[in-house]
PDB file of N, CA and C in Angstrom:
ATOM      1  N   MET A   1     158.782  86.970  27.314  1.00  0.00           N
ATOM      2  CA  MET A   1     159.272  87.066  25.961  1.00  0.00           C
ATOM      3  C   MET A   1     158.104  87.459  25.054  1.00  0.00           C
ATOM      4  N   ASN A   2     158.403  88.304  24.097  1.00  0.00           N
ATOM      5  CA  ASN A   2     157.364  88.673  23.133  1.00  0.00           C
ATOM      6  C   ASN A   2     157.439  87.742  21.922  1.00  0.00           C
ATOM      7  N   GLN A   3     156.604  87.982  20.931  1.00  0.00           N
ATOM      8  CA  GLN A   3     156.537  87.096  19.762  1.00  0.00           C
ATOM      9  C   GLN A   3     157.846  87.066  18.983  1.00  0.00           C
ATOM     10  N   GLU A   4     158.628  88.108  19.037  1.00  0.00           N
ATOM     11  CA  GLU A   4     159.905  88.165  18.321  1.00  0.00           C
ATOM     12  C   GLU A   4     161.036  87.512  19.115  1.00  0.00           C
ATOM     13  N   GLY A   5     160.726  86.974  20.289  1.00  0.00           N
ATOM     14  CA  GLY A   5     161.744  86.322  21.101  1.00  0.00           C
ATOM     15  C   GLY A   5     162.555  87.276  21.954  1.00  0.00           C
ATOM     16  N   LEU A   6     162.156  88.535  22.003  1.00  0.00           N
ATOM     17  CA  LEU A   6     162.867  89.515  22.825  1.00  0.00           C
ATOM     18  C   LEU A   6     162.258  89.555  24.220  1.00  0.00           C
ATOM     19  N   PRO A   7     163.072  89.843  25.213  1.00  0.00           N
ATOM     20  CA  PRO A   7     162.514  89.923  26.560  1.00  0.00           C
ATOM     21  C   PRO A   7     161.550  91.088  26.675  1.00  0.00           C
ATOM     22  N   LYS A   8     160.473  90.852  27.400  1.00  0.00           N
ATOM     23  CA  LYS A   8     159.498  91.915  27.645  1.00  0.00           C
ATOM     24  C   LYS A   8     159.896  92.644  28.918  1.00  0.00           C
ATOM     25  N   LEU A   9     159.787  93.930  28.876  1.00  0.00           N
ATOM     26  CA  LEU A   9     160.064  94.718  30.071  1.00  0.00           C
ATOM     27  C   LEU A   9     158.815  94.781  30.923  1.00  0.00           C
ATOM     28  N   GLY A  10     159.021  94.675  32.212  1.00  0.00           N
ATOM     29  CA  GLY A  10     157.914  94.872  33.134  1.00  0.00           C
ATOM     30  C   GLY A  10     157.760  96.357  33.383  1.00  0.00           C
ATOM     31  N   ALA A  11     157.140  96.687  34.463  1.00  0.00           N
ATOM     32  CA  ALA A  11     156.999  98.084  34.828  1.00  0.00           C
ATOM     33  C   ALA A  11     158.384  98.663  35.113  1.00  0.00           C
ATOM     34  N   ILE A  12     158.642  99.802  34.551  1.00  0.00           N
ATOM     35  CA  ILE A  12     159.931 100.463  34.757  1.00  0.00           C
ATOM     36  C   ILE A  12     159.737 101.559  35.789  1.00  0.00           C
ATOM     37  N   GLU A  13     160.563 101.506  36.816  1.00  0.00           N
ATOM     38  CA  GLU A  13     160.497 102.507  37.870  1.00  0.00           C
ATOM     39  C   GLU A  13     161.781 103.323  37.851  1.00  0.00           C
ATOM     40  N   VAL A  14     161.651 104.598  38.149  1.00  0.00           N
ATOM     41  CA  VAL A  14     162.808 105.480  38.191  1.00  0.00           C
ATOM     42  C   VAL A  14     162.813 106.193  39.534  1.00  0.00           C
ATOM     43  N   ALA A  15     163.967 106.191  40.174  1.00  0.00           N
ATOM     44  CA  ALA A  15     164.148 106.915  41.429  1.00  0.00           C
ATOM     45  C   ALA A  15     165.478 107.650  41.318  1.00  0.00           C
ATOM     46  N   THR A  16     165.439 108.951  41.445  1.00  0.00           N
ATOM     47  CA  THR A  16     166.654 109.746  41.292  1.00  0.00           C
ATOM     48  C   THR A  16     167.125 110.272  42.650  1.00  0.00           C
ATOM     49  N   THR A  17     168.391 110.660  42.671  1.00  0.00           N
ATOM     50  CA  THR A  17     168.968 111.267  43.868  1.00  0.00           C
ATOM     51  C   THR A  17     169.775 112.484  43.443  1.00  0.00           C
ATOM     52  N   ASN A  18     170.124 113.296  44.387  1.00  0.00           N
ATOM     53  CA  ASN A  18     171.013 114.427  44.151  1.00  0.00           C
ATOM     54  C   ASN A  18     172.329 114.165  44.862  1.00  0.00           C
ATOM     55  N   TYR A  19     173.418 114.363  44.148  1.00  0.00           N
ATOM     56  CA  TYR A  19     174.760 114.325  44.747  1.00  0.00           C
ATOM     57  C   TYR A  19     175.122 112.964  45.330  1.00  0.00           C
ATOM     58  N   GLY A  20     174.777 111.894  44.671  1.00  0.00           N
ATOM     59  CA  GLY A  20     175.194 110.579  45.144  1.00  0.00           C
ATOM     60  C   GLY A  20     174.188 109.510  44.779  1.00  0.00           C
ATOM     61  N   GLY A  21     174.506 108.308  45.171  1.00  0.00           N
ATOM     62  CA  GLY A  21     173.623 107.186  44.904  1.00  0.00           C
ATOM     63  C   GLY A  21     172.578 107.035  45.992  1.00  0.00           C
ATOM     64  N   HIS A  22     171.791 105.992  45.863  1.00  0.00           N
ATOM     65  CA  HIS A  22     170.766 105.716  46.858  1.00  0.00           C
ATOM     66  C   HIS A  22     171.394 105.100  48.104  1.00  0.00           C
ATOM     67  N   PRO A  23     170.841 105.408  49.265  1.00  0.00           N
ATOM     68  CA  PRO A  23     171.369 104.832  50.508  1.00  0.00           C
ATOM     69  C   PRO A  23     170.941 103.369  50.651  1.00  0.00           C
ATOM     70  N   PRO A  24     171.581 102.639  51.556  1.00  0.00           N
ATOM     71  CA  PRO A  24     171.219 101.237  51.773  1.00  0.00           C
ATOM     72  C   PRO A  24     169.731 101.046  52.095  1.00  0.00           C
ATOM     73  N   GLU A  25     169.140 101.998  52.800  1.00  0.00           N
ATOM     74  CA  GLU A  25     167.725 101.887  53.161  1.00  0.00           C
ATOM     75  C   GLU A  25     166.836 101.835  51.920  1.00  0.00           C
ATOM     76  N   PHE A  26     167.188 102.600  50.898  1.00  0.00           N
ATOM     77  CA  PHE A  26     166.439 102.567  49.640  1.00  0.00           C
ATOM     78  C   PHE A  26     166.493 101.172  49.032  1.00  0.00           C
ATOM     79  N   TRP A  27     167.703 100.595  48.953  1.00  0.00           N
ATOM     80  CA  TRP A  27     167.859  99.288  48.332  1.00  0.00           C
ATOM     81  C   TRP A  27     167.205  98.193  49.156  1.00  0.00           C
ATOM     82  N   ALA A  28     167.248  98.304  50.488  1.00  0.00           N
ATOM     83  CA  ALA A  28     166.566  97.322  51.336  1.00  0.00           C
ATOM     84  C   ALA A  28     165.060  97.381  51.109  1.00  0.00           C
ATOM     85  N   GLU A  29     164.531  98.566  50.952  1.00  0.00           N
ATOM     86  CA  GLU A  29     163.093  98.732  50.676  1.00  0.00           C
ATOM     87  C   GLU A  29     162.736  98.141  49.317  1.00  0.00           C
ATOM     88  N   GLN A  30     163.568  98.391  48.300  1.00  0.00           N
ATOM     89  CA  GLN A  30     163.314  97.833  46.974  1.00  0.00           C
ATOM     90  C   GLN A  30     163.318  96.311  47.018  1.00  0.00           C
ATOM     91  N   LEU A  31     164.315  95.742  47.678  1.00  0.00           N
ATOM     92  CA  LEU A  31     164.418  94.297  47.792  1.00  0.00           C
ATOM     93  C   LEU A  31     163.223  93.724  48.548  1.00  0.00           C
ATOM     94  N   THR A  32     162.875  94.350  49.646  1.00  0.00           N
ATOM     95  CA  THR A  32     161.749  93.883  50.446  1.00  0.00           C
ATOM     96  C   THR A  32     160.455  93.893  49.633  1.00  0.00           C
ATOM     97  N   ASN A  33     160.262  94.946  48.860  1.00  0.00           N
ATOM     98  CA  ASN A  33     159.045  95.026  48.040  1.00  0.00           C
ATOM     99  C   ASN A  33     159.000  93.945  46.966  1.00  0.00           C
ATOM    100  N   LYS A  34     160.154  93.497  46.490  1.00  0.00           N
ATOM    101  CA  LYS A  34     160.201  92.407  45.509  1.00  0.00           C
ATOM    102  C   LYS A  34     159.913  91.057  46.155  1.00  0.00           C
ATOM    103  N   ILE A  35     160.291  90.907  47.425  1.00  0.00           N
ATOM    104  CA  ILE A  35     160.126  89.632  48.116  1.00  0.00           C
ATOM    105  C   ILE A  35     158.736  89.494  48.740  1.00  0.00           C
ATOM    106  N   VAL A  36     158.256  90.564  49.345  1.00  0.00           N
ATOM    107  CA  VAL A  36     157.026  90.485  50.135  1.00  0.00           C
ATOM    108  C   VAL A  36     155.988  91.460  49.604  1.00  0.00           C
ATOM    109  N   GLY A  37     154.816  90.947  49.363  1.00  0.00           N
ATOM    110  CA  GLY A  37     153.680  91.804  49.015  1.00  0.00           C
ATOM    111  C   GLY A  37     152.636  91.688  50.108  1.00  0.00           C
ATOM    112  N   VAL A  38     152.032  92.798  50.450  1.00  0.00           N
ATOM    113  CA  VAL A  38     151.016  92.803  51.506  1.00  0.00           C
ATOM    114  C   VAL A  38     149.696  93.234  50.892  1.00  0.00           C
ATOM    115  N   SER A  39     148.723  92.350  50.979  1.00  0.00           N
ATOM    116  CA  SER A  39     147.393  92.661  50.475  1.00  0.00           C
ATOM    117  C   SER A  39     146.596  93.341  51.573  1.00  0.00           C
ATOM    118  N   GLU A  40     146.011  94.456  51.245  1.00  0.00           N
ATOM    119  CA  GLU A  40     145.224  95.204  52.229  1.00  0.00           C
ATOM    120  C   GLU A  40     143.787  94.698  52.315  1.00  0.00           C
ATOM    121  N   ASP A  41     143.388  93.823  51.392  1.00  0.00           N
ATOM    122  CA  ASP A  41     141.989  93.377  51.380  1.00  0.00           C
ATOM    123  C   ASP A  41     141.804  91.989  51.992  1.00  0.00           C
ATOM    124  N   LYS A  42     142.768  91.525  52.740  1.00  0.00           N
ATOM    125  CA  LYS A  42     142.658  90.241  53.435  1.00  0.00           C
ATOM    126  C   LYS A  42     142.200  90.478  54.869  1.00  0.00           C
ATOM    127  N   GLU A  43     142.016  89.394  55.578  1.00  0.00           N
ATOM    128  CA  GLU A  43     141.618  89.518  56.971  1.00  0.00           C
ATOM    129  C   GLU A  43     142.689  90.284  57.740  1.00  0.00           C
ATOM    130  N   PRO A  44     142.291  91.099  58.709  1.00  0.00           N
ATOM    131  CA  PRO A  44     143.245  91.959  59.418  1.00  0.00           C
ATOM    132  C   PRO A  44     144.428  91.203  60.026  1.00  0.00           C
ATOM    133  N   HIS A  45     144.201  90.035  60.597  1.00  0.00           N
ATOM    134  CA  HIS A  45     145.318  89.324  61.229  1.00  0.00           C
ATOM    135  C   HIS A  45     146.303  88.806  60.180  1.00  0.00           C
ATOM    136  N   ILE A  46     145.846  88.486  58.988  1.00  0.00           N
ATOM    137  CA  ILE A  46     146.731  88.055  57.899  1.00  0.00           C
ATOM    138  C   ILE A  46     147.569  89.232  57.417  1.00  0.00           C
ATOM    139  N   THR A  47     146.911  90.373  57.232  1.00  0.00           N
ATOM    140  CA  THR A  47     147.616  91.582  56.806  1.00  0.00           C
ATOM    141  C   THR A  47     148.659  91.988  57.845  1.00  0.00           C
ATOM    142  N   GLU A  48     148.300  91.887  59.112  1.00  0.00           N
ATOM    143  CA  GLU A  48     149.238  92.238  60.192  1.00  0.00           C
ATOM    144  C   GLU A  48     150.450  91.313  60.188  1.00  0.00           C
ATOM    145  N   GLN A  49     150.224  90.018  59.986  1.00  0.00           N
ATOM    146  CA  GLN A  49     151.341  89.071  59.920  1.00  0.00           C
ATOM    147  C   GLN A  49     152.243  89.379  58.728  1.00  0.00           C
ATOM    148  N   ALA A  50     151.638  89.706  57.596  1.00  0.00           N
ATOM    149  CA  ALA A  50     152.427  90.013  56.400  1.00  0.00           C
ATOM    150  C   ALA A  50     153.264  91.265  56.618  1.00  0.00           C
ATOM    151  N   ARG A  51     152.701  92.258  57.267  1.00  0.00           N
ATOM    152  CA  ARG A  51     153.462  93.485  57.554  1.00  0.00           C
ATOM    153  C   ARG A  51     154.629  93.194  58.497  1.00  0.00           C
ATOM    154  N   ALA A  52     154.383  92.370  59.516  1.00  0.00           N
ATOM    155  CA  ALA A  52     155.451  92.016  60.456  1.00  0.00           C
ATOM    156  C   ALA A  52     156.557  91.260  59.726  1.00  0.00           C
ATOM    157  N   TYR A  53     156.190  90.347  58.852  1.00  0.00           N
ATOM    158  CA  TYR A  53     157.171  89.597  58.067  1.00  0.00           C
ATOM    159  C   TYR A  53     157.957  90.536  57.168  1.00  0.00           C
ATOM    160  N   ARG A  54     157.256  91.462  56.520  1.00  0.00           N
ATOM    161  CA  ARG A  54     157.921  92.445  55.654  1.00  0.00           C
ATOM    162  C   ARG A  54     158.928  93.269  56.453  1.00  0.00           C
ATOM    163  N   ASP A  55     158.568  93.674  57.659  1.00  0.00           N
ATOM    164  CA  ASP A  55     159.475  94.465  58.491  1.00  0.00           C
ATOM    165  C   ASP A  55     160.741  93.692  58.846  1.00  0.00           C
ATOM    166  N   VAL A  56     160.596  92.397  59.132  1.00  0.00           N
ATOM    167  CA  VAL A  56     161.764  91.560  59.448  1.00  0.00           C
ATOM    168  C   VAL A  56     162.644  91.402  58.212  1.00  0.00           C
ATOM    169  N   ILE A  57     162.027  91.157  57.062  1.00  0.00           N
ATOM    170  CA  ILE A  57     162.795  91.019  55.819  1.00  0.00           C
ATOM    171  C   ILE A  57     163.560  92.310  55.534  1.00  0.00           C
ATOM    172  N   TYR A  58     162.925  93.462  55.727  1.00  0.00           N
ATOM    173  CA  TYR A  58     163.591  94.749  55.505  1.00  0.00           C
ATOM    174  C   TYR A  58     164.818  94.879  56.406  1.00  0.00           C
ATOM    175  N   LYS A  59     164.657  94.568  57.692  1.00  0.00           N
ATOM    176  CA  LYS A  59     165.767  94.710  58.637  1.00  0.00           C
ATOM    177  C   LYS A  59     166.933  93.790  58.275  1.00  0.00           C
ATOM    178  N   VAL A  60     166.622  92.562  57.904  1.00  0.00           N
ATOM    179  CA  VAL A  60     167.673  91.607  57.521  1.00  0.00           C
ATOM    180  C   VAL A  60     168.355  92.071  56.233  1.00  0.00           C
ATOM    181  N   ALA A  61     167.558  92.493  55.255  1.00  0.00           N
ATOM    182  CA  ALA A  61     168.125  92.969  53.988  1.00  0.00           C
ATOM    183  C   ALA A  61     169.036  94.169  54.233  1.00  0.00           C
ATOM    184  N   LEU A  62     168.626  95.084  55.084  1.00  0.00           N
ATOM    185  CA  LEU A  62     169.427  96.275  55.373  1.00  0.00           C
ATOM    186  C   LEU A  62     170.760  95.901  56.014  1.00  0.00           C
ATOM    187  N   ILE A  63     170.738  94.967  56.941  1.00  0.00           N
ATOM    188  CA  ILE A  63     171.988  94.516  57.576  1.00  0.00           C
ATOM    189  C   ILE A  63     172.942  93.954  56.527  1.00  0.00           C
ATOM    190  N   TYR A  64     172.432  93.081  55.655  1.00  0.00           N
ATOM    191  CA  TYR A  64     173.299  92.450  54.660  1.00  0.00           C
ATOM    192  C   TYR A  64     173.791  93.450  53.618  1.00  0.00           C
ATOM    193  N   ILE A  65     172.959  94.396  53.236  1.00  0.00           N
ATOM    194  CA  ILE A  65     173.389  95.414  52.269  1.00  0.00           C
ATOM    195  C   ILE A  65     174.493  96.280  52.880  1.00  0.00           C
ATOM    196  N   LYS A  66     174.316  96.695  54.116  1.00  0.00           N
ATOM    197  CA  LYS A  66     175.350  97.500  54.781  1.00  0.00           C
ATOM    198  C   LYS A  66     176.652  96.706  54.924  1.00  0.00           C
ATOM    199  N   ASN A  67     176.548  95.415  55.257  1.00  0.00           N
ATOM    200  CA  ASN A  67     177.747  94.589  55.369  1.00  0.00           C
ATOM    201  C   ASN A  67     178.429  94.421  54.013  1.00  0.00           C
ATOM    202  N   ALA A  68     177.650  94.288  52.956  1.00  0.00           N
ATOM    203  CA  ALA A  68     178.221  94.165  51.611  1.00  0.00           C
ATOM    204  C   ALA A  68     178.981  95.434  51.235  1.00  0.00           C
ATOM    205  N   ILE A  69     178.431  96.580  51.575  1.00  0.00           N
ATOM    206  CA  ILE A  69     179.103  97.853  51.280  1.00  0.00           C
ATOM    207  C   ILE A  69     180.425  97.938  52.042  1.00  0.00           C
ATOM    208  N   LYS A  70     180.408  97.580  53.322  1.00  0.00           N
ATOM    209  CA  LYS A  70     181.643  97.594  54.119  1.00  0.00           C
ATOM    210  C   LYS A  70     182.682  96.644  53.531  1.00  0.00           C
ATOM    211  N   SER A  71     182.233  95.459  53.148  1.00  0.00           N
ATOM    212  CA  SER A  71     183.144  94.470  52.584  1.00  0.00           C
ATOM    213  C   SER A  71     183.753  94.973  51.277  1.00  0.00           C
ATOM    214  N   TYR A  72     182.950  95.590  50.446  1.00  0.00           N
ATOM    215  CA  TYR A  72     183.453  96.100  49.170  1.00  0.00           C
ATOM    216  C   TYR A  72     184.464  97.227  49.402  1.00  0.00           C
ATOM    217  N   LYS A  73     184.188  98.063  50.399  1.00  0.00           N
ATOM    218  CA  LYS A  73     185.120  99.145  50.726  1.00  0.00           C
ATOM    219  C   LYS A  73     186.473  98.576  51.140  1.00  0.00           C
ATOM    220  N   VAL A  74     186.469  97.534  51.957  1.00  0.00           N
ATOM    221  CA  VAL A  74     187.714  96.897  52.382  1.00  0.00           C
ATOM    222  C   VAL A  74     188.442  96.309  51.173  1.00  0.00           C
ATOM    223  N   THR A  75     187.692  95.705  50.259  1.00  0.00           N
ATOM    224  CA  THR A  75     188.298  95.142  49.051  1.00  0.00           C
ATOM    225  C   THR A  75     188.972  96.235  48.226  1.00  0.00           C
ATOM    226  N   ILE A  76     188.315  97.363  48.061  1.00  0.00           N
ATOM    227  CA  ILE A  76     188.893  98.480  47.299  1.00  0.00           C
ATOM    228  C   ILE A  76     190.166  98.979  47.976  1.00  0.00           C
ATOM    229  N   ILE A  77     190.121  99.125  49.293  1.00  0.00           N
ATOM    230  CA  ILE A  77     191.305  99.582  50.029  1.00  0.00           C
ATOM    231  C   ILE A  77     192.464  98.619  49.825  1.00  0.00           C
ATOM    232  N   GLN A  78     192.205  97.328  49.915  1.00  0.00           N
ATOM    233  CA  GLN A  78     193.264  96.337  49.742  1.00  0.00           C
ATOM    234  C   GLN A  78     193.824  96.357  48.317  1.00  0.00           C
ATOM    235  N   GLU A  79     192.981  96.531  47.332  1.00  0.00           N
ATOM    236  CA  GLU A  79     193.450  96.621  45.943  1.00  0.00           C
ATOM    237  C   GLU A  79     194.318  97.859  45.744  1.00  0.00           C
ATOM    238  N   LEU A  80     193.921  98.962  46.355  1.00  0.00           N
ATOM    239  CA  LEU A  80     194.735 100.182  46.255  1.00  0.00           C
ATOM    240  C   LEU A  80     196.090  99.982  46.928  1.00  0.00           C
ATOM    241  N   LEU A  81     196.098  99.364  48.093  1.00  0.00           N
ATOM    242  CA  LEU A  81     197.364  99.115  48.789  1.00  0.00           C
ATOM    243  C   LEU A  81     198.275  98.193  47.981  1.00  0.00           C
ATOM    244  N   LYS A  82     197.689  97.158  47.378  1.00  0.00           N
ATOM    245  CA  LYS A  82     198.491  96.249  46.542  1.00  0.00           C
ATOM    246  C   LYS A  82     199.074  96.992  45.342  1.00  0.00           C
ATOM    247  N   GLY A  83     198.368  97.998  44.873  1.00  0.00           N
ATOM    248  CA  GLY A  83     198.849  98.768  43.736  1.00  0.00           C
ATOM    249  C   GLY A  83     199.736  99.932  44.124  1.00  0.00           C
ATOM    250  N   GLY A  84     200.082 100.030  45.407  1.00  0.00           N
ATOM    251  CA  GLY A  84     200.975 101.090  45.849  1.00  0.00           C
ATOM    252  C   GLY A  84     200.311 102.447  46.048  1.00  0.00           C
ATOM    253  N   GLU A  85     199.012 102.477  46.141  1.00  0.00           N
ATOM    254  CA  GLU A  85     198.263 103.735  46.290  1.00  0.00           C
ATOM    255  C   GLU A  85     197.854 103.954  47.744  1.00  0.00           C
ATOM    256  N   GLU A  86     198.837 104.095  48.622  1.00  0.00           N
ATOM    257  CA  GLU A  86     198.565 104.225  50.046  1.00  0.00           C
ATOM    258  C   GLU A  86     197.737 105.460  50.386  1.00  0.00           C
ATOM    259  N   GLU A  87     198.060 106.582  49.765  1.00  0.00           N
ATOM    260  CA  GLU A  87     197.334 107.827  50.062  1.00  0.00           C
ATOM    261  C   GLU A  87     195.868 107.729  49.652  1.00  0.00           C
ATOM    262  N   LEU A  88     195.623 107.158  48.490  1.00  0.00           N
ATOM    263  CA  LEU A  88     194.243 106.988  48.028  1.00  0.00           C
ATOM    264  C   LEU A  88     193.497 106.004  48.931  1.00  0.00           C
ATOM    265  N   ALA A  89     194.191 104.965  49.383  1.00  0.00           N
ATOM    266  CA  ALA A  89     193.579 104.005  50.307  1.00  0.00           C
ATOM    267  C   ALA A  89     193.182 104.701  51.612  1.00  0.00           C
ATOM    268  N   LYS A  90     194.013 105.638  52.078  1.00  0.00           N
ATOM    269  CA  LYS A  90     193.685 106.391  53.292  1.00  0.00           C
ATOM    270  C   LYS A  90     192.432 107.232  53.084  1.00  0.00           C
ATOM    271  N   VAL A  91     192.308 107.827  51.915  1.00  0.00           N
ATOM    272  CA  VAL A  91     191.126 108.645  51.616  1.00  0.00           C
ATOM    273  C   VAL A  91     189.870 107.766  51.649  1.00  0.00           C
ATOM    274  N   ILE A  92     189.934 106.629  50.997  1.00  0.00           N
ATOM    275  CA  ILE A  92     188.790 105.717  50.971  1.00  0.00           C
ATOM    276  C   ILE A  92     188.468 105.220  52.381  1.00  0.00           C
ATOM    277  N   ARG A  93     189.467 104.941  53.163  1.00  0.00           N
ATOM    278  CA  ARG A  93     189.270 104.474  54.534  1.00  0.00           C
ATOM    279  C   ARG A  93     188.505 105.507  55.354  1.00  0.00           C
ATOM    280  N   ARG A  94     188.751 106.794  55.103  1.00  0.00           N
ATOM    281  CA  ARG A  94     188.072 107.858  55.862  1.00  0.00           C
ATOM    282  C   ARG A  94     186.619 108.048  55.457  1.00  0.00           C
ATOM    283  N   LEU A  95     186.236 107.559  54.293  1.00  0.00           N
ATOM    284  CA  LEU A  95     184.841 107.750  53.843  1.00  0.00           C
ATOM    285  C   LEU A  95     183.871 106.956  54.659  1.00  0.00           C
TER     286      LEU A  95
END
C-alpha cells in the first residue's frame, strides 16, 4: 500500500500470443516461478535440489491446470445441453 492507501503494483509483466490464449504450459511455468525461486549463487547441491523441486512443482501444476481446463469444458457442455443447445455442445465437445 502506498501513502494514499492505494495498492502498490509490483513488477508488471506482459506476455502476448497470436490467435488464442496461452497454453497450460505457460500458466504452469508462471505458477511455478511464483512458488519456487532458484538462487544460482548458492552451493551447487542446494541449487540442484531447488531445480529438482521446481521441476516437480511445474509437472504437478501442469497436471492440475490441464484437469481444470477439461473440467471447465465439461461444465460448459453441460450448461449448453441444459439450455437446449445440443449442436453448440457438440462443437465444444470436438474442441
